[in-house]
Each structure stands twice: as structure tokens, then as C-alpha cells.
Protein backbone atom coordinates (compact mmCIF):
# COMPACT_ATOMS: atom_id res chain seq x y z
CA UNK A 1 1.15 -2.34 -20.14
CA UNK A 2 3.60 -0.48 -17.31
CA UNK A 3 2.52 1.82 -15.02
CA UNK A 4 6.77 2.02 -14.21
CA UNK A 5 6.51 6.30 -15.48
CA UNK A 6 3.06 7.72 -13.48
CA UNK A 7 -0.11 6.14 -11.77
CA UNK A 8 -3.12 4.92 -13.68
CA UNK A 9 -5.63 7.50 -15.15
CA UNK A 10 -8.69 7.04 -16.53
CA UNK A 11 -10.85 3.88 -16.90
CA UNK A 12 -7.64 1.97 -15.47
CA UNK A 13 -7.80 4.35 -11.75
CA UNK A 14 -11.23 3.89 -12.31
CA UNK A 15 -10.83 0.07 -11.94
CA UNK A 16 -8.60 -0.36 -9.85
CA UNK A 17 -11.14 2.04 -7.17
CA UNK A 18 -13.36 -1.34 -7.76
CA UNK A 19 -12.62 -2.32 -4.42
CA UNK A 20 -13.46 1.25 -2.56
CA UNK A 21 -16.94 0.07 -3.29
CA UNK A 22 -16.68 -3.11 -2.50
CA UNK A 23 -15.91 -1.77 1.30
CA UNK A 24 -18.12 1.34 1.43
CA UNK A 25 -20.86 -1.66 0.62
CA UNK A 26 -19.26 -3.69 4.02
CA UNK A 27 -18.26 -5.98 2.32
CA UNK A 28 -14.35 -5.93 2.32
CA UNK A 29 -14.52 -9.58 4.26
CA UNK A 30 -14.66 -10.44 -0.09
CA UNK A 31 -10.81 -9.29 -0.30
CA UNK A 32 -9.48 -10.85 2.94
CA UNK A 33 -6.51 -9.42 3.27
CA UNK A 34 -5.07 -9.18 -0.04
CA UNK A 35 -6.52 -5.33 -0.23
CA UNK A 36 -6.73 -3.19 2.60
CA UNK A 37 -9.21 1.12 2.46
CA UNK A 38 -7.02 3.64 4.38
CA UNK A 39 -9.58 6.73 4.87
CA UNK A 40 -6.92 9.78 4.84
CA UNK A 41 -7.45 13.33 4.91
CA UNK A 42 -6.18 15.71 1.77
CA UNK A 43 -2.55 17.87 1.90
CA UNK A 44 -5.16 21.22 0.59
CA UNK A 45 -8.27 20.32 0.22
CA UNK A 46 -8.43 18.84 3.73
CA UNK A 47 -11.46 16.66 2.20
CA UNK A 48 -11.72 12.58 3.16
CA UNK A 49 -10.13 10.79 0.60
CA UNK A 50 -9.90 7.06 0.26
CA UNK A 51 -7.58 4.31 -1.26
CA UNK A 52 -7.32 0.42 -1.27
CA UNK A 53 -3.62 -0.97 -1.39
CA UNK A 54 -2.66 -4.38 -1.92
CA UNK A 55 -1.00 -5.48 0.89
CA UNK A 56 2.30 -6.50 0.97
CA UNK A 57 2.13 -7.93 4.89
CA UNK A 58 0.06 -8.76 7.37
CA UNK A 59 0.17 -10.46 10.09
CA UNK A 60 -3.35 -11.80 11.99
CA UNK A 61 -3.00 -11.15 15.91
CA UNK A 62 -1.25 -7.95 16.15
CA UNK A 63 -2.92 -6.64 12.55
CA UNK A 64 -0.04 -5.00 11.57
CA UNK A 65 0.16 -4.29 7.55
CA UNK A 66 2.58 -3.37 5.56
CA UNK A 67 1.84 -1.69 2.02
CA UNK A 68 3.88 -0.06 -0.55
CA UNK A 69 3.65 3.50 -2.42
CA UNK A 70 4.85 3.07 -5.58
CA UNK A 71 6.33 6.32 -8.02
CA UNK A 72 9.05 7.32 -5.08
CA UNK A 73 5.77 8.74 -2.89
CA UNK A 74 4.98 10.43 -5.08
CA UNK A 75 0.95 8.64 -4.54
CA UNK A 76 -2.11 11.36 -3.38
CA UNK A 77 -2.24 8.78 -0.30
CA UNK A 78 1.48 8.31 0.46
CA UNK A 79 1.77 12.05 -0.36
CA UNK A 80 -1.36 12.57 2.38
CA UNK A 81 -0.49 9.98 4.79
CA UNK A 82 3.00 11.69 4.91
CA UNK A 83 1.44 14.96 6.29
CA UNK A 84 -0.81 13.73 8.36
CA UNK A 85 -1.46 9.96 9.44
CA UNK A 86 -4.25 7.60 8.07
CA UNK A 87 -7.79 8.14 10.11
CA UNK A 88 -8.59 4.72 8.81
CA UNK A 89 -7.52 1.31 8.18
CA UNK A 90 -9.78 -1.01 6.53
CA UNK A 91 -8.79 -4.42 6.02
CA UNK A 92 -11.33 -7.99 5.45
CA UNK A 93 -13.78 -7.39 8.51
CA UNK A 94 -11.50 -5.00 10.68
CA UNK A 95 -11.33 -1.66 10.89
CA UNK A 96 -9.16 0.56 13.21
CA UNK A 97 -7.29 3.83 13.67
CA UNK A 98 -3.74 3.19 13.01
CA UNK A 99 -0.47 4.17 14.55
CA UNK A 100 1.83 4.55 11.37
CA UNK A 101 5.30 5.05 10.32
CA UNK A 102 7.38 5.52 7.07
CA UNK A 103 10.00 2.45 6.48
CA UNK A 104 13.58 2.66 5.67
CA UNK A 105 14.65 2.83 2.98
CA UNK A 106 15.97 -0.48 4.34
CA UNK A 107 13.28 -1.89 5.79
CA UNK A 108 11.29 -1.43 2.51
CA UNK A 109 14.19 -4.06 0.68
CA UNK A 110 13.64 -6.39 3.48
CA UNK A 111 9.62 -6.39 2.77
CA UNK A 112 9.99 -6.35 -0.81
CA UNK A 113 12.41 -9.75 -0.59
CA UNK A 114 10.45 -11.70 1.29
CA UNK A 115 6.93 -10.78 -0.74
CA UNK A 116 9.00 -11.90 -3.67
CA UNK A 117 9.42 -15.09 -1.36
CA UNK A 118 5.61 -15.74 -0.71
CA UNK A 119 4.25 -14.28 -4.20
CA UNK A 120 6.88 -15.04 -6.78
CA UNK A 121 4.86 -14.93 -9.90
CA UNK A 122 2.95 -11.78 -8.23
CA UNK A 123 6.88 -9.93 -8.29
CA UNK A 124 7.70 -11.66 -12.65
CA UNK A 125 4.47 -10.86 -13.29
CA UNK A 126 3.05 -7.42 -12.27
CA UNK A 127 6.08 -5.75 -10.39
CA UNK A 128 8.29 -6.60 -13.21
CA UNK A 129 6.09 -5.59 -16.11
CA UNK A 130 3.56 -3.70 -14.71
CA UNK A 131 6.05 -1.15 -12.97
CA UNK A 132 9.45 -2.25 -14.98
CA UNK A 133 10.97 -3.88 -11.48
CA UNK A 134 13.30 -6.44 -11.43
CA UNK A 135 13.51 -8.06 -8.38
CA UNK A 136 16.77 -9.89 -9.67
CA UNK A 137 18.24 -10.55 -5.96
CA UNK A 138 21.34 -8.51 -6.98
CA UNK A 139 22.16 -5.28 -5.42
CA UNK A 140 21.37 -3.13 -7.63
CA UNK A 141 17.86 -4.14 -8.37
CA UNK A 142 17.35 -4.11 -4.51
CA UNK A 143 18.05 -0.51 -4.30
CA UNK A 144 15.71 0.68 -7.73
CA UNK A 145 12.45 -1.24 -6.49
CA UNK A 146 13.31 1.05 -3.14
CA UNK A 147 13.93 3.84 -4.93
CA UNK A 148 9.73 3.46 -6.81
CA UNK A 149 8.55 2.60 -3.43
CA UNK A 150 7.99 3.45 -0.28
CA UNK A 151 6.82 0.46 2.56
CA UNK A 152 4.32 2.12 5.42
CA UNK A 153 3.78 -0.24 8.16
CA UNK A 154 -0.18 0.40 10.22
CA UNK A 155 -0.73 -1.14 13.61
CA UNK A 156 -3.76 -0.24 15.24
CA UNK A 157 -3.79 2.82 18.06
CA UNK A 158 -3.87 2.23 21.23
CA UNK A 159 -6.72 3.35 23.19
CA UNK A 160 -6.53 7.17 22.45
CA UNK A 161 -3.62 7.35 21.08
CA UNK A 162 -3.14 8.80 17.39
């Protein structure tokens, strides 16, 4: 099964959204720092939305989180936070109002390279098979990955910042 052409729908989407329930029940700590919840506002409806995404990198001391959006930035959550910054991040048992930064393609490649070093099995079996992205170390493969993925960095906002 590949998700390369379009985001999941139907039962697959329902299952992938399951961690949202854990966060709603206050059980986000069960997910440790592997998945985070983004609370954001819909770009046209202006309603609150929730999305759970895999964490590519988490720094405990600063609570910096890096995540990736697939499908060349066409996911709803990415399009929403591109229009209006995320309202809240929940990761593990931590929650904060974020400052966010959309990563450049070069920064995205760097984050993906470090992810592959830390998680070679996931890179081979999830990225390669699920998203049709082969990260074989060539410039062409990294550029294709940076075209498919969009990196976002979240850090806790200083008091009063947005």
C-alpha cells in the first residue's frame, strides 16, 4: 500500500487519527515524544482542528519539535498553519503555545538525513514503501524527498509571543 499519490481516507484515516483521542483523554504521555498533536485553525472555516503527526526530531531541553508534512505541503494541517500559526502543540505530557518556522528545502533534507540515521528501518519500510520515497543517499533522492516533504519546527513561544 502506498500513500504517495494522496493522503489516506476512510478507515485508514480514521485509524491514523486514533492518537488524537489519547491526547483528548489526557493520555498523550503514552505516545512519548514520537507523535505530537497540533491544534490549529481551519484556513477557510476558521474552526479549531487537530492533527497528529510523527516527530522527526525532539530536543528535550528546549522542547523543539520538528515534523514533516507529506504530499508537497498539500495536507490540510500544513496549509492551515501556513496561513495562520498553530495555536497549541501537545507532545507527550507537555503542551505549549508554539512559535513555528517552516523549514527550507535544505533544512528539510538535513532533518530527513538525521532521521534516516536514527531510524533506518522506518526510512526503508515506511518512507520508501509507504510514500514511494527512496532515500539512497543520492542528491536526486534527497531532492525528491524535499519536494514531497515540508519540514516545520515548533518551539515554545516566549511569554506573550505568538
